Protein backbone atom coordinates (compact mmCIF):
# COMPACT_ATOMS: atom_id res chain seq x y z
CA MET A 1 -37.65 74.65 20.43
CA HIS A 2 -34.70 76.18 22.64
CA PRO A 3 -33.46 79.25 21.90
CA ASN A 4 -29.83 78.13 22.20
CA SER A 5 -28.23 77.53 18.61
CA ALA A 6 -26.04 74.65 20.05
CA PHE A 7 -29.17 72.21 20.40
CA ARG A 8 -30.41 73.36 17.01
CA TRP A 9 -31.31 70.12 15.44
CA ASP A 10 -31.65 70.54 11.55
CA ASP A 11 -31.41 67.25 9.48
CA ARG A 12 -34.34 66.63 8.10
CA ALA A 13 -33.48 62.93 7.69
CA ALA A 14 -32.80 62.58 11.03
CA LEU A 15 -35.60 64.08 12.10
CA ARG A 16 -37.69 62.03 10.40
CA GLY A 17 -35.91 59.06 11.55
CA PHE A 18 -36.74 59.85 14.91
CA ALA A 19 -40.52 60.78 14.50
CA GLU A 20 -40.91 57.74 12.67
CA ALA A 21 -39.11 55.22 14.98
CA ILE A 22 -41.26 56.35 17.88
CA GLY A 23 -44.29 57.29 15.94
CA PHE A 24 -46.48 59.02 18.29
CA GLY A 25 -46.85 62.77 19.11
CA MET A 26 -48.95 65.48 20.04
CA LEU A 27 -50.91 67.91 17.48
CA PHE A 28 -51.50 71.28 18.70
CA ALA A 29 -54.15 73.49 16.51
CA ALA A 30 -55.72 76.82 17.92
CA THR A 31 -59.76 76.41 17.33
CA PRO A 32 -62.63 78.78 18.01
CA ASP A 33 -62.67 77.02 21.29
CA GLY A 34 -59.37 77.54 22.45
CA PRO A 35 -56.09 75.80 21.83
CA ARG A 36 -56.10 71.88 21.61
CA VAL A 37 -53.88 68.88 21.39
CA ALA A 38 -54.28 65.41 20.38
CA HIS A 39 -52.37 62.34 20.96
CA VAL A 40 -51.94 60.70 17.63
CA PRO A 41 -49.93 57.86 15.96
CA PHE A 42 -48.81 59.16 12.49
CA VAL A 43 -47.03 57.81 9.84
CA PHE A 44 -45.00 59.73 6.75
CA VAL A 45 -46.89 59.47 3.78
CA ASP A 46 -44.03 60.82 1.53
CA GLU A 47 -41.09 63.13 2.40
CA GLY A 48 -42.72 66.18 3.42
CA ARG A 49 -46.41 64.80 4.40
CA ILE A 50 -47.59 63.08 7.41
CA GLY A 51 -50.87 61.13 7.80
CA PHE A 52 -52.64 60.23 11.09
CA HIS A 53 -56.58 59.85 12.44
CA ILE A 54 -58.34 60.72 15.29
CA ALA A 55 -61.58 60.07 16.91
CA ARG A 56 -64.63 62.05 14.79
CA GLY A 57 -65.38 63.29 18.58
CA ASN A 58 -62.50 64.81 19.39
CA GLY A 59 -62.86 68.33 20.07
CA ILE A 60 -59.95 69.54 17.77
CA ALA A 61 -61.20 67.22 14.62
CA LYS A 62 -64.17 69.63 13.34
CA HIS A 63 -61.60 72.53 13.27
CA LEU A 64 -58.33 70.65 11.85
CA ALA A 65 -59.02 70.87 7.89
CA GLY A 66 -57.70 74.15 6.89
CA SER A 67 -55.97 75.13 9.61
CA ASP A 68 -52.40 75.16 11.02
CA ALA A 69 -51.53 72.35 13.21
CA LEU A 70 -48.33 71.43 14.94
CA LEU A 71 -47.21 67.55 15.79
CA VAL A 72 -44.43 67.65 18.73
CA VAL A 73 -42.45 63.98 18.91
CA ASN A 74 -40.71 63.74 22.06
CA GLY A 75 -37.66 61.54 22.87
CA PRO A 76 -35.68 60.42 25.98
CA ASP A 77 -35.18 63.20 28.59
CA GLY A 78 -34.27 63.56 31.97
CA TYR A 79 -32.95 66.22 35.04
CA VAL A 80 -29.55 66.54 35.13
CA SER A 81 -27.59 67.43 38.21
CA PRO A 82 -24.58 70.15 38.62
CA ASP A 83 -22.73 68.16 40.65
CA TRP A 84 -22.20 65.34 37.49
CA TYR A 85 -20.26 67.51 35.50
CA GLN A 86 -17.53 67.61 37.78
CA LEU A 87 -16.75 70.93 37.46
CA ASP A 88 -16.99 74.48 39.21
CA ASN A 89 -19.65 75.23 41.58
CA ASN A 90 -21.24 77.57 39.44
CA GLN A 91 -23.19 75.08 37.45
CA VAL A 92 -26.93 74.82 37.46
CA PRO A 93 -29.65 72.20 37.25
CA THR A 94 -30.77 71.71 33.75
CA TRP A 95 -33.48 69.19 31.57
CA ASN A 96 -31.59 67.39 28.78
CA TYR A 97 -33.79 65.87 26.21
CA LEU A 98 -34.62 65.28 22.30
CA ALA A 99 -37.52 66.60 20.69
CA ALA A 100 -38.75 67.30 17.14
CA GLU A 101 -41.30 69.55 15.44
CA PHE A 102 -43.47 69.80 12.32
CA GLU A 103 -45.76 72.19 11.25
CA GLY A 104 -47.78 72.56 8.43
CA PRO A 105 -51.26 72.98 6.72
CA VAL A 106 -53.68 70.14 7.51
CA THR A 107 -56.24 68.78 5.11
CA ARG A 108 -58.84 65.99 5.20
CA MET A 109 -58.34 62.47 3.75
CA GLU A 110 -61.09 61.06 1.96
CA THR A 111 -61.75 57.54 3.30
CA GLU A 112 -58.95 55.81 0.55
CA GLY A 113 -56.54 57.56 2.08
CA LEU A 114 -57.62 56.84 5.71
CA VAL A 115 -57.60 53.33 4.81
CA ALA A 116 -54.01 53.66 3.39
CA GLN A 117 -53.08 55.59 5.96
CA ILE A 118 -54.32 53.08 8.80
CA ASP A 119 -52.26 50.08 6.51
CA GLY A 120 -49.35 51.89 6.36
CA LEU A 121 -49.12 52.71 10.21
CA THR A 122 -50.05 48.89 10.86
CA GLU A 123 -47.62 47.46 8.83
CA MET A 124 -44.87 49.83 10.40
CA HIS A 125 -45.26 49.15 13.80
CA GLU A 126 -46.32 44.78 13.38
CA SER A 127 -43.06 44.52 11.02
CA ARG A 128 -41.13 45.85 14.23
CA LEU A 129 -42.85 42.83 16.21
CA ALA A 130 -40.88 39.74 14.30
CA PRO A 131 -41.16 36.87 14.29
CA LYS A 132 -44.62 37.33 15.79
CA PRO A 133 -46.99 36.90 12.70
CA VAL A 134 -48.27 40.61 11.20
CA TRP A 135 -51.43 41.65 12.08
CA THR A 136 -53.75 42.39 8.78
CA ARG A 137 -57.19 43.76 9.06
CA GLY A 138 -57.61 40.86 6.84
CA LYS A 139 -58.24 38.86 10.11
CA MET A 140 -61.41 41.06 11.36
CA ASP A 141 -65.01 39.84 10.33
CA GLU A 142 -66.35 40.93 7.21
CA GLY A 143 -67.46 44.46 7.72
CA ARG A 144 -66.40 44.89 11.16
CA PHE A 145 -62.96 47.43 9.57
CA GLU A 146 -65.89 49.56 7.39
CA LYS A 147 -67.93 50.09 10.68
CA MET A 148 -65.25 51.43 12.77
CA LEU A 149 -63.79 53.53 10.45
CA GLY A 150 -66.80 55.31 10.54
CA ALA A 151 -65.98 56.63 14.19
CA ILE A 152 -62.08 57.99 13.04
CA GLN A 153 -61.16 60.56 10.59
CA GLY A 154 -57.99 61.33 8.39
CA PHE A 155 -56.01 63.96 8.13
CA GLU A 156 -52.47 64.64 6.46
CA LEU A 157 -50.03 67.50 7.78
CA ARG A 158 -47.98 69.32 4.72
CA VAL A 159 -44.91 70.42 6.44
CA THR A 160 -43.60 73.50 5.94
CA GLY A 161 -41.59 73.76 9.06
CA TRP A 162 -38.93 71.61 10.24
CA ARG A 163 -37.30 72.14 13.89
CA GLY A 164 -35.54 69.96 16.39
CA THR A 165 -33.92 70.19 19.71
CA SER A 166 -31.35 68.08 20.97
CA LYS A 167 -30.06 69.19 24.23
CA LEU A 168 -27.74 66.87 25.31
CA GLY A 169 -24.90 68.82 26.77
CA GLN A 170 -22.89 70.38 24.18
CA ASN A 171 -22.66 73.02 26.11
CA LYS A 172 -20.54 72.09 28.29
CA PRO A 173 -16.95 70.45 28.07
CA VAL A 174 -16.92 66.83 26.69
CA ASP A 175 -15.33 65.47 29.23
CA ALA A 176 -17.78 66.58 31.61
CA ARG A 177 -20.64 66.10 29.31
CA LEU A 178 -19.73 62.22 29.39
CA ARG A 179 -19.24 62.10 33.35
CA ALA A 180 -22.93 63.57 33.50
CA ALA A 181 -24.14 60.75 30.92
CA ASP A 182 -22.48 58.10 33.49
CA ALA A 183 -24.18 59.51 36.25
CA VAL A 184 -27.48 59.90 34.31
CA GLU A 185 -27.33 56.45 33.30
CA ALA A 186 -26.61 55.30 36.80
CA ALA A 187 -29.61 56.95 37.73
CA GLY A 188 -31.64 54.65 35.50
CA ASN A 189 -32.03 57.00 32.18
CA VAL A 190 -30.33 54.63 29.71
CA ALA A 191 -31.34 56.14 26.63
CA LEU A 192 -30.75 59.36 27.72
CA ALA A 193 -27.33 58.85 28.80
CA HIS A 194 -26.34 57.24 25.23
CA LEU A 195 -28.01 60.06 23.05
CA MET A 196 -25.81 62.49 25.51
CA ARG A 197 -22.87 60.19 24.57
CA GLU A 198 -23.68 59.81 20.59
CA LEU A 199 -24.96 63.25 20.01
CA PRO A 200 -28.04 62.81 17.29
CA ASN A 201 -27.89 66.45 15.89
CA GLY A 202 -26.90 68.31 12.93
């Protein structure tokens, strides 16, 4: 994460809420074949455990159980021009962003845990689509879900390291940061501009 303490984001509840709102991240692990990454949907199983699944054929799958991994979740990001602060000429271009890292040991899920993880993940995202009727695997032909289940493997990451970066211009005077936020929004990056005004850190 960013070394500047002004951008440190340590609020675990906020980190979890941010990650759950996105629900998708990059899982990194060292393997005998070199560093690997898998792009995964995920769900918090409880306060300190994250469940996810990947295709059995994914090169990282056979190395995950028993290893340490790092799940990275990225939020809005974007370029910030030094002109936008309207300060002196000694400002430099930068990139603002919001990101969270969850690190810890990984264990393999049994079938029951994998099914529960898929159901939880589906329920979380389907509930956001209301008033659309919720999709459930009960709508599938009998035996089809079980057949498809064989193509994936479920895992659980026990979070031992929580790290976040909220790099949104906190190192600038408030009025300069807000001017930059206005310019970021005018450039089309509404989500990042909102974050620069609200500063979700702590």
